[in-house]
Amino acid sequence: MTVTTSPVNPVLRVAPAAPAEAAAHFRASLVFHADVSDVAAVLAAGGDPGFVVLDSRSTEAWDQGHIPGAVHLPTALIAEQAGHLLDRNVPVVTYCWGPGCNGATRAALALAELGYQVKEMLGGFEYWVREGFAYETWEGRGHRDADPLTAPVDAENCGC
């Protein structure tokens, strides 16, 4: 007698969570994260955005480019300087270089431990630039065309 086994599907080797468990997980994720395009849209609308954007990178990185209006506070200085630069009643959105950098996560942790409400901006400065949003450098304002892989031409109909 021959026994045949079907190959293990690597995607479903571990079964998906139950829908209610998945909904709780994804809802919790949104509590901790903000999307680059959402941050940009709120800032572009003008007025009080209801949050402050914090760049947690080094001065050299800040000088290469940063989000207009962001507060520069490297993670190593948060414990010492956050109280002088940030209002505890205003949520903070942290960012660093990009998805391969955990500086924004470390900054968010440091701020949360000090009692701040905080979210991390997914994609960081890399995706800010890749999506075509204006940035500032030590030389002035800059802008690059949007990368069509991160910012569809018809962004309003991207399905996000």
Protein backbone atom coordinates (compact mmCIF):
# COMPACT_ATOMS: atom_id res chain seq x y z
CA MET A 1 0.00 0.00 0.00
CA THR A 2 1.32 3.42 -0.97
CA VAL A 3 0.63 6.42 1.20
CA THR A 4 0.72 9.77 -0.51
CA THR A 5 1.15 12.94 1.40
CA SER A 6 0.46 16.33 0.06
CA PRO A 7 3.17 18.94 0.42
CA VAL A 8 2.86 21.21 3.43
CA ASN A 9 1.56 24.63 2.51
CA PRO A 10 3.99 27.06 4.20
CA VAL A 11 1.35 29.79 4.34
CA LEU A 12 -1.19 27.63 6.14
CA ARG A 13 1.22 25.43 8.14
CA VAL A 14 0.06 27.50 11.10
CA ALA A 15 -3.66 28.09 10.72
CA PRO A 16 -4.96 31.67 10.57
CA ALA A 17 -6.38 33.11 13.77
CA ALA A 18 -10.09 33.07 14.40
CA PRO A 19 -11.76 36.19 12.96
CA ALA A 20 -12.44 37.77 16.37
CA GLU A 21 -8.84 37.15 17.46
CA ALA A 22 -7.53 38.58 14.19
CA ALA A 23 -9.75 41.66 14.53
CA ALA A 24 -8.44 42.28 18.06
CA HIS A 25 -4.84 41.95 16.86
CA PHE A 26 -5.24 44.33 13.92
CA ARG A 27 -7.21 46.83 16.02
CA ALA A 28 -4.37 46.78 18.56
CA SER A 29 -1.84 47.33 15.78
CA LEU A 30 -3.62 50.50 14.70
CA VAL A 31 -3.41 51.81 18.27
CA PHE A 32 0.38 51.71 18.00
CA HIS A 33 1.02 52.67 14.37
CA ALA A 34 0.32 55.53 11.98
CA ASP A 35 0.65 55.43 8.20
CA VAL A 36 2.94 57.89 6.38
CA SER A 37 0.20 59.04 4.02
CA ASP A 38 -2.24 59.60 6.91
CA VAL A 39 0.33 61.71 8.80
CA ALA A 40 1.07 63.69 5.62
CA ALA A 41 -2.63 64.28 4.89
CA VAL A 42 -3.32 65.61 8.39
CA LEU A 43 -0.25 67.88 8.30
CA ALA A 44 -1.16 69.15 4.81
CA ALA A 45 -4.68 70.06 5.96
CA GLY A 46 -3.19 72.78 8.16
CA GLY A 47 -4.29 73.81 11.60
CA ASP A 48 -3.61 71.82 14.73
CA PRO A 49 -3.04 68.18 13.74
CA GLY A 50 -3.61 66.98 17.30
CA PHE A 51 -0.17 65.36 17.48
CA VAL A 52 3.50 66.24 17.18
CA VAL A 53 5.89 64.42 14.83
CA LEU A 54 9.22 63.44 16.40
CA ASP A 55 12.37 62.53 14.45
CA SER A 56 14.45 60.25 16.68
CA ARG A 57 17.53 60.07 14.41
CA SER A 58 20.97 61.62 14.79
CA THR A 59 21.76 65.22 13.89
CA GLU A 60 23.58 64.03 10.75
CA ALA A 61 20.47 62.13 9.63
CA TRP A 62 18.22 65.10 10.49
CA ASP A 63 20.40 67.37 8.35
CA GLN A 64 20.08 64.96 5.39
CA GLY A 65 16.32 65.36 5.50
CA HIS A 66 13.37 65.44 7.85
CA ILE A 67 9.62 66.00 7.87
CA PRO A 68 8.75 69.72 7.88
CA GLY A 69 7.62 70.79 11.33
CA ALA A 70 9.00 67.70 13.07
CA VAL A 71 10.71 67.98 16.43
CA HIS A 72 14.25 66.63 16.43
CA LEU A 73 14.98 64.58 19.54
CA PRO A 74 17.41 61.67 19.22
CA THR A 75 16.35 58.65 21.25
CA ALA A 76 19.39 58.88 23.55
CA LEU A 77 18.25 62.37 24.66
CA ILE A 78 14.55 61.65 25.23
CA ALA A 79 14.77 61.06 28.99
CA GLU A 80 16.72 64.29 29.46
CA GLN A 81 14.94 66.63 27.03
CA ALA A 82 11.39 65.39 26.31
CA GLY A 83 9.91 67.36 29.18
CA HIS A 84 11.33 70.59 27.74
CA LEU A 85 10.25 69.96 24.14
CA LEU A 86 6.98 68.04 24.31
CA ASP A 87 3.58 68.58 25.93
CA ARG A 88 2.47 65.42 27.77
CA ASN A 89 -1.12 66.12 26.69
CA VAL A 90 -0.30 65.97 22.97
CA PRO A 91 0.23 62.55 21.33
CA VAL A 92 3.61 61.99 19.68
CA VAL A 93 4.22 60.21 16.37
CA THR A 94 7.81 58.94 16.16
CA TYR A 95 9.83 58.10 13.07
CA CYS A 96 13.36 57.08 12.12
CA TRP A 97 14.95 56.03 8.81
CA GLY A 98 12.58 53.32 7.64
CA PRO A 99 11.30 49.78 8.02
CA GLY A 100 14.81 48.40 8.59
CA CYS A 101 15.40 50.71 11.56
CA ASN A 102 13.93 50.29 15.03
CA GLY A 103 14.87 53.77 16.25
CA ALA A 104 11.27 54.96 16.16
CA THR A 105 10.22 51.93 18.20
CA ARG A 106 12.90 52.63 20.80
CA ALA A 107 11.91 56.32 20.89
CA ALA A 108 8.23 55.38 21.28
CA LEU A 109 9.11 53.06 24.15
CA ALA A 110 11.17 55.76 25.89
CA LEU A 111 8.34 58.27 25.53
CA ALA A 112 5.67 55.83 26.70
CA GLU A 113 7.76 55.04 29.76
CA LEU A 114 7.79 58.78 30.50
CA GLY A 115 3.99 58.95 30.28
CA TYR A 116 3.48 60.21 26.71
CA GLN A 117 0.81 58.88 24.34
CA VAL A 118 2.73 57.68 21.33
CA LYS A 119 2.44 56.03 17.92
CA GLU A 120 5.14 54.93 15.52
CA MET A 121 4.95 56.08 11.88
CA LEU A 122 5.36 53.00 9.72
CA GLY A 123 7.92 53.34 6.93
CA GLY A 124 9.74 56.25 8.55
CA PHE A 125 11.52 58.94 6.62
CA GLU A 126 12.28 56.52 3.75
CA TYR A 127 8.61 56.05 2.94
CA TRP A 128 7.86 59.73 3.50
CA VAL A 129 10.26 60.52 0.67
CA ARG A 130 9.25 57.50 -1.44
CA GLU A 131 5.62 58.59 -1.31
CA GLY A 132 6.60 61.98 -2.72
CA PHE A 133 6.05 64.21 0.31
CA ALA A 134 8.14 67.36 0.78
CA TYR A 135 11.01 67.27 3.24
CA GLU A 136 13.56 69.71 4.62
CA THR A 137 17.36 69.47 4.71
CA TRP A 138 20.04 71.79 6.04
CA GLU A 139 19.99 73.32 2.53
CA GLY A 140 16.22 73.92 2.41
CA ARG A 141 13.12 72.13 1.12
CA GLY A 142 13.31 69.09 -1.11
CA HIS A 143 10.90 66.84 -2.96
CA ARG A 144 11.18 63.71 -5.08
CA ASP A 145 8.64 62.16 -7.38
CA ALA A 146 6.59 59.46 -5.72
CA ASP A 147 7.71 55.87 -6.17
CA PRO A 148 4.80 54.16 -7.97
CA LEU A 149 5.37 51.04 -5.86
CA THR A 150 4.59 52.92 -2.65
CA ALA A 151 2.29 55.69 -3.84
CA PRO A 152 -0.07 54.77 -6.65
CA VAL A 153 -0.71 57.47 -9.25
CA ASP A 154 -4.36 57.52 -8.25
CA ALA A 155 -3.73 57.39 -4.50
CA GLU A 156 -7.37 58.07 -3.64
CA ASN A 157 -8.28 54.74 -5.26
CA CYS A 158 -5.41 52.63 -3.94
CA GLY A 159 -7.71 50.61 -1.71
CA CYS A 160 -5.84 51.49 1.49
